[in-house]
Protein backbone atom coordinates (compact mmCIF):
# COMPACT_ATOMS: atom_id res chain seq x y z
CA UNK A 1 14.01 40.96 4.05
CA UNK A 2 10.44 40.78 5.31
CA UNK A 3 9.11 43.23 7.58
CA UNK A 4 10.88 46.10 9.61
CA UNK A 5 13.93 45.77 10.97
CA UNK A 6 13.77 46.08 15.06
CA UNK A 7 16.47 48.81 14.87
CA UNK A 8 16.75 52.51 14.98
CA UNK A 9 19.76 54.24 13.57
CA UNK A 10 21.12 57.19 15.57
CA UNK A 11 23.06 60.43 14.36
CA UNK A 12 24.80 60.05 11.04
CA UNK A 13 24.85 56.22 10.99
CA UNK A 14 23.60 53.72 8.14
CA UNK A 15 22.93 50.35 8.36
CA UNK A 16 23.68 48.56 4.76
CA UNK A 17 22.93 45.09 3.53
CA UNK A 18 25.75 42.91 2.72
CA UNK A 19 25.92 41.93 -1.03
CA UNK A 20 25.43 38.09 -1.64
CA UNK A 21 27.62 38.30 -4.63
CA UNK A 22 31.17 37.93 -3.24
CA UNK A 23 32.00 34.77 -5.35
CA UNK A 24 33.55 34.85 -8.75
CA UNK A 25 32.76 37.86 -11.18
CA UNK A 26 33.13 38.51 -14.83
CA UNK A 27 35.00 41.45 -16.49
CA UNK A 28 33.36 43.50 -19.01
CA UNK A 29 35.06 41.08 -21.61
CA UNK A 30 33.45 38.22 -20.27
CA UNK A 31 36.62 36.96 -18.38
CA UNK A 32 35.96 34.96 -15.13
CA UNK A 33 37.67 36.45 -12.08
CA UNK A 34 37.79 33.68 -9.25
CA UNK A 35 36.71 34.97 -5.65
CA UNK A 36 40.17 34.22 -4.53
CA UNK A 37 41.80 36.75 -6.79
CA UNK A 38 43.88 39.34 -5.29
CA UNK A 39 42.67 42.85 -6.21
CA UNK A 40 44.21 45.99 -4.77
CA UNK A 41 41.95 48.04 -2.64
CA UNK A 42 38.56 47.39 -3.85
CA UNK A 43 35.44 49.39 -2.77
CA UNK A 44 31.94 47.73 -2.22
CA UNK A 45 28.33 48.51 -3.40
CA UNK A 46 25.49 47.96 -0.75
CA UNK A 47 21.90 48.83 -0.42
CA UNK A 48 20.92 51.23 2.55
CA UNK A 49 18.23 49.57 4.78
CA UNK A 50 18.22 52.01 7.55
CA UNK A 51 19.54 55.47 8.29
CA UNK A 52 20.03 58.02 11.43
CA UNK A 53 18.21 61.24 11.72
CA UNK A 54 21.38 63.25 10.95
CA UNK A 55 22.17 61.63 7.62
CA UNK A 56 21.38 64.24 4.91
CA UNK A 57 22.58 62.80 1.57
CA UNK A 58 21.47 59.26 1.74
CA UNK A 59 17.86 57.58 1.87
CA UNK A 60 16.72 54.27 2.03
CA UNK A 61 17.31 52.06 -0.91
CA UNK A 62 20.03 54.07 -2.30
CA UNK A 63 23.14 52.08 -2.97
CA UNK A 64 26.30 53.30 -1.53
CA UNK A 65 29.99 52.82 -2.28
CA UNK A 66 32.25 52.21 0.72
CA UNK A 67 35.48 50.66 1.72
CA UNK A 68 34.88 47.25 3.03
CA UNK A 69 37.99 46.96 5.54
CA UNK A 70 37.48 47.08 9.15
CA UNK A 71 33.71 47.53 9.31
CA UNK A 72 31.25 46.94 12.02
CA UNK A 73 29.08 44.01 11.34
CA UNK A 74 25.70 43.22 12.92
CA UNK A 75 23.34 40.47 12.50
CA UNK A 76 19.42 40.96 12.57
CA UNK A 77 16.92 38.29 12.09
CA UNK A 78 19.76 35.98 10.78
CA UNK A 79 20.96 38.35 8.08
CA UNK A 80 24.12 40.05 8.06
CA UNK A 81 24.50 43.96 7.89
CA UNK A 82 26.93 46.59 7.96
CA UNK A 83 27.21 49.73 10.16
CA UNK A 84 28.55 52.80 8.74
CA UNK A 85 28.73 56.55 9.03
CA UNK A 86 27.78 58.95 6.36
CA UNK A 87 31.33 60.40 6.24
CA UNK A 88 32.45 56.83 5.16
CA UNK A 89 30.52 56.81 1.93
CA UNK A 90 32.28 57.56 -1.35
CA UNK A 91 29.35 57.54 -3.61
CA UNK A 92 25.59 57.12 -3.70
CA UNK A 93 23.54 55.61 -6.79
CA UNK A 94 20.08 56.75 -6.39
CA UNK A 95 16.92 55.61 -7.99
CA UNK A 96 15.57 59.41 -7.56
CA UNK A 97 17.32 60.63 -11.03
CA UNK A 98 16.55 63.98 -12.33
CA UNK A 99 16.15 64.39 -15.87
CA UNK A 100 19.69 66.07 -16.49
CA UNK A 101 21.63 63.99 -13.86
CA UNK A 102 23.41 60.65 -13.99
CA UNK A 103 22.06 59.60 -10.50
CA UNK A 104 25.68 58.72 -9.31
CA UNK A 105 26.87 61.29 -6.68
CA UNK A 106 30.73 61.14 -6.41
């Protein structure tokens, strides 16, 4: 994504990019899991690209964990994005890690 997005988020809304890696995955043991494999309720990680003025815990470039079912999707400059509220986020993985913290907030 180059340039600034033509959008300003309001209230406690977040705009996250969709992960391109929705195909097959590998388990920790190296087993290939096809994209068609049925997994129970699987949460998804995405990068935050815009935040509203009332978002308190999340910043742009953080990665957030959320439930991918029944989401509002939007397309800007030909790229798909997802619209979330801050309360819909389960966890934040932030690059701003302090010395004694893990960087993952649950």
